[in-house]
Every structure is written in C-alpha cells, then in structure tokens.
Amino acid sequence: MSFIDKMKEAGEDIKEAFQDGAHDLADKAGDLKDAAAEKAADLKDAAAEKAGDLKDAAAAAAEKAKDAADTAKEKAADAADAAKDKADDAKKAAEDK
C-alpha cells in the first residue's frame, strides 16, 4: 500500500470518527432536550398545583371573612335591638312616673 493510499485510509478513518462523534453529540443533545422538556412540564404542573392551592386558600379566607362580617352584622343588629329595648323601657318608665 502506498503512502497516499495510507493517507486516504487514515482520512476516511478520521472522517468516520468525527461522524460517530457528531452522532453521539446529537444523541446526547436530544437526551438533554427531552430531560429539559420533562423538567419544564414537571415545574409547570407543580406551579399549577400550587396556584390551585393558593386559590383554594384564598377562597377559604374569603369565606371566613364573609362569615366574620355576617357575625359582626348580626351582633350589631342584636346590640341595636337591645339598645332600642332599653330606650323603650326607659321611656315607659319615665311615662309611668
């Protein structure tokens, strides 16, 4: 085999090695892309779940605030009724004197 033939064969070997390396890199890049997409999907799901939890917590807090407002309104109405009753009693007592 002549020197030129040996050089051509070595060039082909180098070319094949680079192609194999390029394929390996492409495979690795595909794997990394898939892993990144999977992680992004997991993060999206976790964020959606957390948002749902926060929405539920906000709804529960709003319900508690509404209940507290209703209770305060009832107590205010009861206090107003009691004050009116006391005023009526005082008026009747004054009229009876």
Foldseek 3Di string as FASTA:
>chain_A
DDPVVVVVVVVVVVVVVVVVVVVVVVVVVVVVVVVVVVVVVVVVVVVVVVVVVVVVVVVVVVVVVVVVVVVVVVVVVVVVVVVVVVVVVVVVVVVVD
